[in-house]
Amino acid sequence: MHHDGHEFVMIAVLRRNNVAGGLTRLWKPGAEEPFWDGTFDAGQAVLLDDRALAHDVTDVLSADGGPGHRDILIVAFSRWSEKWYGDQHDEAALNDAPEPSAM
């Protein structure tokens, strides 16, 4: 489970073709179990407060051993005054470190 390091994140599924898995899970801080999980079909999305909730997805696997894919669109929102990108952002987000403005 992780945070992307932005204020809000939308994850939209555009297409699922011959896939199993891909179960999205949402986690409250400190929780040992997700408070929600589900598989999104094409045309469905989740919009989440990335600072308040962690998220992950289970492995996307072939449903029958043949080719398969899940096409997704991810939109991340951060206020311009708090913009922060690049390697430093990615490292801090993966380690749940505070952003430079909070340091």
PDB file of N, CA and C in Angstrom:
ATOM      1  N   MET A   1       0.848  -1.172   0.000  1.00  0.00           N
ATOM      2  CA  MET A   1       0.000   0.000   0.000  1.00  0.00           C
ATOM      3  C   MET A   1       0.888   1.227   0.000  1.00  0.00           C
ATOM      4  N   HIS A   2       0.377   2.315  -0.569  1.00  0.00           N
ATOM      5  CA  HIS A   2       1.213   3.503  -0.723  1.00  0.00           C
ATOM      6  C   HIS A   2       0.361   4.758  -0.871  1.00  0.00           C
ATOM      7  N   HIS A   3       1.032   5.893  -0.819  1.00  0.00           N
ATOM      8  CA  HIS A   3       0.494   7.202  -1.174  1.00  0.00           C
ATOM      9  C   HIS A   3       1.295   7.659  -2.387  1.00  0.00           C
ATOM     10  N   ASP A   4       0.673   8.414  -3.268  1.00  0.00           N
ATOM     11  CA  ASP A   4       1.374   8.911  -4.448  1.00  0.00           C
ATOM     12  C   ASP A   4       2.047  10.251  -4.206  1.00  0.00           C
ATOM     13  N   GLY A   5       1.756  10.893  -3.064  1.00  0.00           N
ATOM     14  CA  GLY A   5       2.398  12.163  -2.748  1.00  0.00           C
ATOM     15  C   GLY A   5       1.682  13.374  -3.314  1.00  0.00           C
ATOM     16  N   HIS A   6       0.419  13.242  -3.636  1.00  0.00           N
ATOM     17  CA  HIS A   6      -0.377  14.355  -4.144  1.00  0.00           C
ATOM     18  C   HIS A   6      -1.578  14.560  -3.224  1.00  0.00           C
ATOM     19  N   GLU A   7      -2.344  15.616  -3.469  1.00  0.00           N
ATOM     20  CA  GLU A   7      -3.541  15.842  -2.650  1.00  0.00           C
ATOM     21  C   GLU A   7      -4.645  14.851  -2.987  1.00  0.00           C
ATOM     22  N   PHE A   8      -4.939  14.727  -4.268  1.00  0.00           N
ATOM     23  CA  PHE A   8      -5.986  13.814  -4.718  1.00  0.00           C
ATOM     24  C   PHE A   8      -5.469  12.997  -5.892  1.00  0.00           C
ATOM     25  N   VAL A   9      -5.966  11.786  -5.997  1.00  0.00           N
ATOM     26  CA  VAL A   9      -5.601  10.901  -7.096  1.00  0.00           C
ATOM     27  C   VAL A   9      -6.875  10.230  -7.598  1.00  0.00           C
ATOM     28  N   MET A  10      -7.035  10.212  -8.922  1.00  0.00           N
ATOM     29  CA  MET A  10      -8.133   9.470  -9.533  1.00  0.00           C
ATOM     30  C   MET A  10      -7.531   8.333 -10.344  1.00  0.00           C
ATOM     31  N   ILE A  11      -8.063   7.152 -10.139  1.00  0.00           N
ATOM     32  CA  ILE A  11      -7.643   5.981 -10.900  1.00  0.00           C
ATOM     33  C   ILE A  11      -8.870   5.479 -11.650  1.00  0.00           C
ATOM     34  N   ALA A  12      -8.821   5.558 -12.968  1.00  0.00           N
ATOM     35  CA  ALA A  12      -9.959   5.160 -13.803  1.00  0.00           C
ATOM     36  C   ALA A  12      -9.566   3.967 -14.659  1.00  0.00           C
ATOM     37  N   VAL A  13     -10.446   2.988 -14.742  1.00  0.00           N
ATOM     38  CA  VAL A  13     -10.221   1.824 -15.593  1.00  0.00           C
ATOM     39  C   VAL A  13     -10.911   2.088 -16.932  1.00  0.00           C
ATOM     40  N   LEU A  14     -10.119   2.082 -17.979  1.00  0.00           N
ATOM     41  CA  LEU A  14     -10.652   2.318 -19.314  1.00  0.00           C
ATOM     42  C   LEU A  14     -11.082   1.020 -19.982  1.00  0.00           C
ATOM     43  N   ARG A  15     -10.306  -0.045 -19.727  1.00  0.00           N
ATOM     44  CA  ARG A  15     -10.619  -1.318 -20.373  1.00  0.00           C
ATOM     45  C   ARG A  15      -9.962  -2.450 -19.599  1.00  0.00           C
ATOM     46  N   ARG A  16     -10.660  -3.558 -19.520  1.00  0.00           N
ATOM     47  CA  ARG A  16     -10.118  -4.806 -18.968  1.00  0.00           C
ATOM     48  C   ARG A  16     -10.305  -5.866 -20.039  1.00  0.00           C
ATOM     49  N   ASN A  17      -9.243  -6.529 -20.389  1.00  0.00           N
ATOM     50  CA  ASN A  17      -9.321  -7.546 -21.422  1.00  0.00           C
ATOM     51  C   ASN A  17      -8.619  -8.808 -20.943  1.00  0.00           C
ATOM     52  N   ASN A  18      -9.402  -9.856 -20.681  1.00  0.00           N
ATOM     53  CA  ASN A  18      -8.877 -11.154 -20.292  1.00  0.00           C
ATOM     54  C   ASN A  18      -7.992 -11.071 -19.039  1.00  0.00           C
ATOM     55  N   VAL A  19      -8.461 -10.341 -18.022  1.00  0.00           N
ATOM     56  CA  VAL A  19      -7.676 -10.226 -16.799  1.00  0.00           C
ATOM     57  C   VAL A  19      -8.450 -10.720 -15.592  1.00  0.00           C
ATOM     58  N   ALA A  20      -7.691 -11.236 -14.648  1.00  0.00           N
ATOM     59  CA  ALA A  20      -8.185 -11.580 -13.326  1.00  0.00           C
ATOM     60  C   ALA A  20      -7.359 -10.750 -12.350  1.00  0.00           C
ATOM     61  N   GLY A  21      -7.805 -10.627 -11.138  1.00  0.00           N
ATOM     62  CA  GLY A  21      -7.079  -9.803 -10.171  1.00  0.00           C
ATOM     63  C   GLY A  21      -7.355  -8.335 -10.415  1.00  0.00           C
ATOM     64  N   GLY A  22      -6.397  -7.511 -10.049  1.00  0.00           N
ATOM     65  CA  GLY A  22      -6.594  -6.068 -10.185  1.00  0.00           C
ATOM     66  C   GLY A  22      -7.580  -5.550  -9.158  1.00  0.00           C
ATOM     67  N   LEU A  23      -7.567  -6.139  -7.959  1.00  0.00           N
ATOM     68  CA  LEU A  23      -8.451  -5.731  -6.873  1.00  0.00           C
ATOM     69  C   LEU A  23      -7.873  -4.481  -6.216  1.00  0.00           C
ATOM     70  N   THR A  24      -8.579  -3.371  -6.282  1.00  0.00           N
ATOM     71  CA  THR A  24      -8.153  -2.128  -5.639  1.00  0.00           C
ATOM     72  C   THR A  24      -8.530  -2.180  -4.166  1.00  0.00           C
ATOM     73  N   ARG A  25      -7.589  -1.737  -3.317  1.00  0.00           N
ATOM     74  CA  ARG A  25      -7.847  -1.728  -1.874  1.00  0.00           C
ATOM     75  C   ARG A  25      -7.518  -0.347  -1.318  1.00  0.00           C
ATOM     76  N   LEU A  26      -8.369   0.135  -0.406  1.00  0.00           N
ATOM     77  CA  LEU A  26      -8.181   1.437   0.240  1.00  0.00           C
ATOM     78  C   LEU A  26      -7.970   1.222   1.728  1.00  0.00           C
ATOM     79  N   TRP A  27      -6.990   1.920   2.280  1.00  0.00           N
ATOM     80  CA  TRP A  27      -6.550   1.726   3.664  1.00  0.00           C
ATOM     81  C   TRP A  27      -6.598   3.026   4.447  1.00  0.00           C
ATOM     82  N   LYS A  28      -7.145   2.985   5.644  1.00  0.00           N
ATOM     83  CA  LYS A  28      -7.073   4.118   6.573  1.00  0.00           C
ATOM     84  C   LYS A  28      -5.733   4.053   7.295  1.00  0.00           C
ATOM     85  N   PRO A  29      -5.233   5.210   7.804  1.00  0.00           N
ATOM     86  CA  PRO A  29      -3.929   5.221   8.474  1.00  0.00           C
ATOM     87  C   PRO A  29      -3.862   4.210   9.623  1.00  0.00           C
ATOM     88  N   GLY A  30      -2.791   3.436   9.631  1.00  0.00           N
ATOM     89  CA  GLY A  30      -2.553   2.475  10.700  1.00  0.00           C
ATOM     90  C   GLY A  30      -3.382   1.211  10.650  1.00  0.00           C
ATOM     91  N   ALA A  31      -4.251   1.077   9.675  1.00  0.00           N
ATOM     92  CA  ALA A  31      -5.134  -0.101   9.594  1.00  0.00           C
ATOM     93  C   ALA A  31      -4.354  -1.341   9.165  1.00  0.00           C
ATOM     94  N   GLU A  32      -4.785  -2.475   9.676  1.00  0.00           N
ATOM     95  CA  GLU A  32      -4.180  -3.742   9.283  1.00  0.00           C
ATOM     96  C   GLU A  32      -4.932  -4.401   8.129  1.00  0.00           C
ATOM     97  N   GLU A  33      -6.146  -3.930   7.875  1.00  0.00           N
ATOM     98  CA  GLU A  33      -6.972  -4.443   6.785  1.00  0.00           C
ATOM     99  C   GLU A  33      -7.553  -3.261   6.017  1.00  0.00           C
ATOM    100  N   PRO A  34      -7.776  -3.414   4.711  1.00  0.00           N
ATOM    101  CA  PRO A  34      -8.414  -2.326   3.965  1.00  0.00           C
ATOM    102  C   PRO A  34      -9.862  -2.126   4.432  1.00  0.00           C
ATOM    103  N   PHE A  35     -10.339  -0.883   4.378  1.00  0.00           N
ATOM    104  CA  PHE A  35     -11.741  -0.637   4.722  1.00  0.00           C
ATOM    105  C   PHE A  35     -12.642  -0.829   3.508  1.00  0.00           C
ATOM    106  N   TRP A  36     -12.026  -0.893   2.318  1.00  0.00           N
ATOM    107  CA  TRP A  36     -12.798  -1.134   1.093  1.00  0.00           C
ATOM    108  C   TRP A  36     -11.909  -1.859   0.102  1.00  0.00           C
ATOM    109  N   ASP A  37     -12.513  -2.778  -0.645  1.00  0.00           N
ATOM    110  CA  ASP A  37     -11.824  -3.369  -1.784  1.00  0.00           C
ATOM    111  C   ASP A  37     -12.850  -3.710  -2.853  1.00  0.00           C
ATOM    112  N   GLY A  38     -12.397  -3.683  -4.081  1.00  0.00           N
ATOM    113  CA  GLY A  38     -13.277  -3.996  -5.191  1.00  0.00           C
ATOM    114  C   GLY A  38     -12.522  -3.960  -6.502  1.00  0.00           C
ATOM    115  N   THR A  39     -13.119  -4.550  -7.506  1.00  0.00           N
ATOM    116  CA  THR A  39     -12.549  -4.573  -8.845  1.00  0.00           C
ATOM    117  C   THR A  39     -13.357  -3.625  -9.720  1.00  0.00           C
ATOM    118  N   PHE A  40     -12.674  -2.680 -10.322  1.00  0.00           N
ATOM    119  CA  PHE A  40     -13.342  -1.713 -11.184  1.00  0.00           C
ATOM    120  C   PHE A  40     -13.470  -2.264 -12.594  1.00  0.00           C
ATOM    121  N   ASP A  41     -14.661  -2.106 -13.150  1.00  0.00           N
ATOM    122  CA  ASP A  41     -14.901  -2.455 -14.538  1.00  0.00           C
ATOM    123  C   ASP A  41     -14.566  -1.260 -15.416  1.00  0.00           C
ATOM    124  N   ALA A  42     -14.517  -1.471 -16.709  1.00  0.00           N
ATOM    125  CA  ALA A  42     -14.285  -0.375 -17.643  1.00  0.00           C
ATOM    126  C   ALA A  42     -15.326   0.712 -17.404  1.00  0.00           C
ATOM    127  N   GLY A  43     -14.864   1.944 -17.362  1.00  0.00           N
ATOM    128  CA  GLY A  43     -15.757   3.083 -17.145  1.00  0.00           C
ATOM    129  C   GLY A  43     -15.935   3.440 -15.681  1.00  0.00           C
ATOM    130  N   GLN A  44     -15.311   2.711 -14.772  1.00  0.00           N
ATOM    131  CA  GLN A  44     -15.411   3.015 -13.344  1.00  0.00           C
ATOM    132  C   GLN A  44     -14.095   3.599 -12.856  1.00  0.00           C
ATOM    133  N   ALA A  45     -14.199   4.389 -11.761  1.00  0.00           N
ATOM    134  CA  ALA A  45     -13.014   5.069 -11.227  1.00  0.00           C
ATOM    135  C   ALA A  45     -13.172   5.286  -9.734  1.00  0.00           C
ATOM    136  N   VAL A  46     -12.052   5.612  -9.107  1.00  0.00           N
ATOM    137  CA  VAL A  46     -12.052   6.018  -7.710  1.00  0.00           C
ATOM    138  C   VAL A  46     -11.295   7.343  -7.629  1.00  0.00           C
ATOM    139  N   LEU A  47     -11.823   8.261  -6.842  1.00  0.00           N
ATOM    140  CA  LEU A  47     -11.164   9.533  -6.556  1.00  0.00           C
ATOM    141  C   LEU A  47     -10.894   9.528  -5.064  1.00  0.00           C
ATOM    142  N   LEU A  48      -9.621   9.656  -4.683  1.00  0.00           N
ATOM    143  CA  LEU A  48      -9.314   9.561  -3.263  1.00  0.00           C
ATOM    144  C   LEU A  48      -8.417  10.681  -2.780  1.00  0.00           C
ATOM    145  N   ASP A  49      -8.550  10.980  -1.499  1.00  0.00           N
ATOM    146  CA  ASP A  49      -7.689  11.928  -0.807  1.00  0.00           C
ATOM    147  C   ASP A  49      -6.387  11.180  -0.531  1.00  0.00           C
ATOM    148  N   ASP A  50      -5.379  11.455  -1.322  1.00  0.00           N
ATOM    149  CA  ASP A  50      -4.141  10.683  -1.270  1.00  0.00           C
ATOM    150  C   ASP A  50      -3.377  10.874   0.030  1.00  0.00           C
ATOM    151  N   ARG A  51      -3.581  11.983   0.697  1.00  0.00           N
ATOM    152  CA  ARG A  51      -2.893  12.216   1.966  1.00  0.00           C
ATOM    153  C   ARG A  51      -3.560  11.472   3.114  1.00  0.00           C
ATOM    154  N   ALA A  52      -4.844  11.223   2.997  1.00  0.00           N
ATOM    155  CA  ALA A  52      -5.599  10.586   4.079  1.00  0.00           C
ATOM    156  C   ALA A  52      -5.700   9.071   3.925  1.00  0.00           C
ATOM    157  N   LEU A  53      -5.635   8.588   2.692  1.00  0.00           N
ATOM    158  CA  LEU A  53      -5.839   7.161   2.441  1.00  0.00           C
ATOM    159  C   LEU A  53      -4.680   6.576   1.648  1.00  0.00           C
ATOM    160  N   ALA A  54      -4.259   5.396   2.041  1.00  0.00           N
ATOM    161  CA  ALA A  54      -3.291   4.652   1.234  1.00  0.00           C
ATOM    162  C   ALA A  54      -4.085   3.738   0.302  1.00  0.00           C
ATOM    163  N   HIS A  55      -3.456   3.306  -0.768  1.00  0.00           N
ATOM    164  CA  HIS A  55      -4.128   2.423  -1.712  1.00  0.00           C
ATOM    165  C   HIS A  55      -3.136   1.460  -2.331  1.00  0.00           C
ATOM    166  N   ASP A  56      -3.669   0.387  -2.857  1.00  0.00           N
ATOM    167  CA  ASP A  56      -2.864  -0.552  -3.615  1.00  0.00           C
ATOM    168  C   ASP A  56      -3.785  -1.343  -4.529  1.00  0.00           C
ATOM    169  N   VAL A  57      -3.189  -2.184  -5.327  1.00  0.00           N
ATOM    170  CA  VAL A  57      -3.957  -3.051  -6.212  1.00  0.00           C
ATOM    171  C   VAL A  57      -3.248  -4.402  -6.263  1.00  0.00           C
ATOM    172  N   THR A  58      -4.040  -5.473  -6.259  1.00  0.00           N
ATOM    173  CA  THR A  58      -3.452  -6.803  -6.362  1.00  0.00           C
ATOM    174  C   THR A  58      -2.952  -7.023  -7.788  1.00  0.00           C
ATOM    175  N   ASP A  59      -2.127  -8.028  -7.958  1.00  0.00           N
ATOM    176  CA  ASP A  59      -1.556  -8.317  -9.274  1.00  0.00           C
ATOM    177  C   ASP A  59      -2.650  -8.488 -10.326  1.00  0.00           C
ATOM    178  N   VAL A  60      -2.390  -7.955 -11.493  1.00  0.00           N
ATOM    179  CA  VAL A  60      -3.268  -8.133 -12.650  1.00  0.00           C
ATOM    180  C   VAL A  60      -2.723  -9.334 -13.414  1.00  0.00           C
ATOM    181  N   LEU A  61      -3.529 -10.367 -13.524  1.00  0.00           N
ATOM    182  CA  LEU A  61      -3.108 -11.622 -14.129  1.00  0.00           C
ATOM    183  C   LEU A  61      -3.982 -11.971 -15.328  1.00  0.00           C
ATOM    184  N   SER A  62      -3.474 -12.806 -16.182  1.00  0.00           N
ATOM    185  CA  SER A  62      -4.274 -13.310 -17.290  1.00  0.00           C
ATOM    186  C   SER A  62      -5.381 -14.206 -16.741  1.00  0.00           C
ATOM    187  N   ALA A  63      -6.573 -14.043 -17.260  1.00  0.00           N
ATOM    188  CA  ALA A  63      -7.699 -14.863 -16.811  1.00  0.00           C
ATOM    189  C   ALA A  63      -7.592 -16.304 -17.299  1.00  0.00           C
ATOM    190  N   ASP A  64      -6.937 -16.502 -18.460  1.00  0.00           N
ATOM    191  CA  ASP A  64      -6.882 -17.863 -19.018  1.00  0.00           C
ATOM    192  C   ASP A  64      -5.481 -18.277 -19.458  1.00  0.00           C
ATOM    193  N   GLY A  65      -4.461 -17.532 -19.074  1.00  0.00           N
ATOM    194  CA  GLY A  65      -3.092 -17.860 -19.461  1.00  0.00           C
ATOM    195  C   GLY A  65      -2.649 -17.209 -20.753  1.00  0.00           C
ATOM    196  N   GLY A  66      -3.588 -16.633 -21.493  1.00  0.00           N
ATOM    197  CA  GLY A  66      -3.255 -15.940 -22.737  1.00  0.00           C
ATOM    198  C   GLY A  66      -3.019 -14.462 -22.487  1.00  0.00           C
ATOM    199  N   PRO A  67      -2.841 -13.704 -23.558  1.00  0.00           N
ATOM    200  CA  PRO A  67      -2.617 -12.265 -23.414  1.00  0.00           C
ATOM    201  C   PRO A  67      -3.802 -11.575 -22.731  1.00  0.00           C
ATOM    202  N   GLY A  68      -3.497 -10.591 -21.948  1.00  0.00           N
ATOM    203  CA  GLY A  68      -4.524  -9.798 -21.282  1.00  0.00           C
ATOM    204  C   GLY A  68      -3.939  -8.476 -20.843  1.00  0.00           C
ATOM    205  N   HIS A  69      -4.795  -7.505 -20.598  1.00  0.00           N
ATOM    206  CA  HIS A  69      -4.324  -6.201 -20.131  1.00  0.00           C
ATOM    207  C   HIS A  69      -5.442  -5.447 -19.434  1.00  0.00           C
ATOM    208  N   ARG A  70      -5.031  -4.488 -18.618  1.00  0.00           N
ATOM    209  CA  ARG A  70      -5.952  -3.563 -17.947  1.00  0.00           C
ATOM    210  C   ARG A  70      -5.434  -2.167 -18.245  1.00  0.00           C
ATOM    211  N   ASP A  71      -6.209  -1.383 -18.981  1.00  0.00           N
ATOM    212  CA  ASP A  71      -5.820  -0.018 -19.321  1.00  0.00           C
ATOM    213  C   ASP A  71      -6.398   0.925 -18.273  1.00  0.00           C
ATOM    214  N   ILE A  72      -5.538   1.736 -17.654  1.00  0.00           N
ATOM    215  CA  ILE A  72      -5.985   2.670 -16.634  1.00  0.00           C
ATOM    216  C   ILE A  72      -5.483   4.075 -16.944  1.00  0.00           C
ATOM    217  N   LEU A  73      -6.168   5.036 -16.380  1.00  0.00           N
ATOM    218  CA  LEU A  73      -5.782   6.438 -16.453  1.00  0.00           C
ATOM    219  C   LEU A  73      -5.641   6.916 -15.022  1.00  0.00           C
ATOM    220  N   ILE A  74      -4.505   7.513 -14.705  1.00  0.00           N
ATOM    221  CA  ILE A  74      -4.276   8.047 -13.366  1.00  0.00           C
ATOM    222  C   ILE A  74      -4.119   9.557 -13.480  1.00  0.00           C
ATOM    223  N   VAL A  75      -4.907  10.284 -12.698  1.00  0.00           N
ATOM    224  CA  VAL A  75      -4.835  11.733 -12.651  1.00  0.00           C
ATOM    225  C   VAL A  75      -4.486  12.126 -11.229  1.00  0.00           C
ATOM    226  N   ALA A  76      -3.404  12.882 -11.060  1.00  0.00           N
ATOM    227  CA  ALA A  76      -2.973  13.340  -9.743  1.00  0.00           C
ATOM    228  C   ALA A  76      -3.138  14.847  -9.666  1.00  0.00           C
ATOM    229  N   PHE A  77      -3.658  15.327  -8.530  1.00  0.00           N
ATOM    230  CA  PHE A  77      -3.880  16.751  -8.331  1.00  0.00           C
ATOM    231  C   PHE A  77      -3.058  17.243  -7.146  1.00  0.00           C
ATOM    232  N   SER A  78      -2.303  18.301  -7.376  1.00  0.00           N
ATOM    233  CA  SER A  78      -1.596  19.023  -6.321  1.00  0.00           C
ATOM    234  C   SER A  78      -1.745  20.513  -6.611  1.00  0.00           C
ATOM    235  N   ARG A  79      -1.953  21.295  -5.566  1.00  0.00           N
ATOM    236  CA  ARG A  79      -2.048  22.749  -5.762  1.00  0.00           C
ATOM    237  C   ARG A  79      -0.727  23.274  -6.316  1.00  0.00           C
ATOM    238  N   TRP A  80      -0.804  24.274  -7.180  1.00  0.00           N
ATOM    239  CA  TRP A  80       0.385  24.842  -7.807  1.00  0.00           C
ATOM    240  C   TRP A  80       1.378  25.324  -6.746  1.00  0.00           C
ATOM    241  N   SER A  81       0.876  25.931  -5.672  1.00  0.00           N
ATOM    242  CA  SER A  81       1.755  26.452  -4.627  1.00  0.00           C
ATOM    243  C   SER A  81       2.484  25.348  -3.869  1.00  0.00           C
ATOM    244  N   GLU A  82       1.992  24.114  -3.994  1.00  0.00           N
ATOM    245  CA  GLU A  82       2.621  22.987  -3.310  1.00  0.00           C
ATOM    246  C   GLU A  82       3.244  22.004  -4.288  1.00  0.00           C
ATOM    247  N   LYS A  83       3.402  22.439  -5.546  1.00  0.00           N
ATOM    248  CA  LYS A  83       3.913  21.510  -6.558  1.00  0.00           C
ATOM    249  C   LYS A  83       5.282  20.975  -6.146  1.00  0.00           C
ATOM    250  N   TRP A  84       5.501  19.731  -6.513  1.00  0.00           N
ATOM    251  CA  TRP A  84       6.727  19.039  -6.133  1.00  0.00           C
ATOM    252  C   TRP A  84       6.802  17.794  -6.979  1.00  0.00           C
ATOM    253  N   TYR A  85       7.804  17.712  -7.818  1.00  0.00           N
ATOM    254  CA  TYR A  85       7.881  16.613  -8.770  1.00  0.00           C
ATOM    255  C   TYR A  85       9.302  16.065  -8.836  1.00  0.00           C
ATOM    256  N   GLY A  86       9.488  15.040  -9.593  1.00  0.00           N
ATOM    257  CA  GLY A  86      10.809  14.497  -9.851  1.00  0.00           C
ATOM    258  C   GLY A  86      11.226  13.425  -8.867  1.00  0.00           C
ATOM    259  N   ASP A  87      12.513  13.095  -8.917  1.00  0.00           N
ATOM    260  CA  ASP A  87      13.048  12.002  -8.112  1.00  0.00           C
ATOM    261  C   ASP A  87      12.862  12.235  -6.616  1.00  0.00           C
ATOM    262  N   GLN A  88      13.064  13.481  -6.146  1.00  0.00           N
ATOM    263  CA  GLN A  88      12.906  13.775  -4.712  1.00  0.00           C
ATOM    264  C   GLN A  88      11.459  13.514  -4.279  1.00  0.00           C
ATOM    265  N   HIS A  89      10.502  13.947  -5.086  1.00  0.00           N
ATOM    266  CA  HIS A  89       9.092  13.707  -4.782  1.00  0.00           C
ATOM    267  C   HIS A  89       8.805  12.211  -4.711  1.00  0.00           C
ATOM    268  N   ASP A  90       9.246  11.472  -5.722  1.00  0.00           N
ATOM    269  CA  ASP A  90       8.961  10.045  -5.786  1.00  0.00           C
ATOM    270  C   ASP A  90       9.552   9.306  -4.588  1.00  0.00           C
ATOM    271  N   GLU A  91      10.785   9.628  -4.226  1.00  0.00           N
ATOM    272  CA  GLU A  91      11.431   8.970  -3.086  1.00  0.00           C
ATOM    273  C   GLU A  91      10.680   9.269  -1.791  1.00  0.00           C
ATOM    274  N   ALA A  92      10.311  10.533  -1.574  1.00  0.00           N
ATOM    275  CA  ALA A  92       9.588  10.911  -0.358  1.00  0.00           C
ATOM    276  C   ALA A  92       8.202  10.268  -0.316  1.00  0.00           C
ATOM    277  N   ALA A  93       7.515  10.227  -1.457  1.00  0.00           N
ATOM    278  CA  ALA A  93       6.181   9.626  -1.499  1.00  0.00           C
ATOM    279  C   ALA A  93       6.251   8.137  -1.173  1.00  0.00           C
ATOM    280  N   LEU A  94       7.235   7.463  -1.712  1.00  0.00           N
ATOM    281  CA  LEU A  94       7.373   6.029  -1.455  1.00  0.00           C
ATOM    282  C   LEU A  94       7.740   5.744   0.000  1.00  0.00           C
ATOM    283  N   ASN A  95       8.407   6.696   0.632  1.00  0.00           N
ATOM    284  CA  ASN A  95       8.810   6.518   2.029  1.00  0.00           C
ATOM    285  C   ASN A  95       7.915   7.263   2.993  1.00  0.00           C
ATOM    286  N   ASP A  96       6.795   7.839   2.495  1.00  0.00           N
ATOM    287  CA  ASP A  96       5.860   8.612   3.314  1.00  0.00           C
ATOM    288  C   ASP A  96       6.548   9.736   4.079  1.00  0.00           C
ATOM    289  N   ALA A  97       7.549  10.336   3.470  1.00  0.00           N
ATOM    290  CA  ALA A  97       8.245  11.464   4.084  1.00  0.00           C
ATOM    291  C   ALA A  97       7.452  12.743   3.856  1.00  0.00           C
ATOM    292  N   PRO A  98       7.598  13.724   4.725  1.00  0.00           N
ATOM    293  CA  PRO A  98       6.895  14.994   4.512  1.00  0.00           C
ATOM    294  C   PRO A  98       7.443  15.723   3.299  1.00  0.00           C
ATOM    295  N   GLU A  99       6.576  16.496   2.650  1.00  0.00           N
ATOM    296  CA  GLU A  99       6.992  17.294   1.514  1.00  0.00           C
ATOM    297  C   GLU A  99       7.872  18.437   2.005  1.00  0.00           C
ATOM    298  N   PRO A 100       8.712  19.023   1.110  1.00  0.00           N
ATOM    299  CA  PRO A 100       9.616  20.100   1.534  1.00  0.00           C
ATOM    300  C   PRO A 100       8.915  21.251   2.235  1.00  0.00           C
ATOM    301  N   SER A 101       7.695  21.596   1.819  1.00  0.00           N
ATOM    302  CA  SER A 101       6.989  22.706   2.461  1.00  0.00           C
ATOM    303  C   SER A 101       6.619  22.367   3.906  1.00  0.00           C
ATOM    304  N   ALA A 102       6.593  21.086   4.254  1.00  0.00           N
ATOM    305  CA  ALA A 102       6.241  20.667   5.614  1.00  0.00           C
ATOM    306  C   ALA A 102       7.487  20.368   6.442  1.00  0.00           C
ATOM    307  N   MET A 103       8.668  20.453   5.830  1.00  0.00           N
ATOM    308  CA  MET A 103       9.912  20.139   6.548  1.00  0.00           C
ATOM    309  C   MET A 103      10.403  21.330   7.338  1.00  0.00           C
TER     310      MET A 103
END
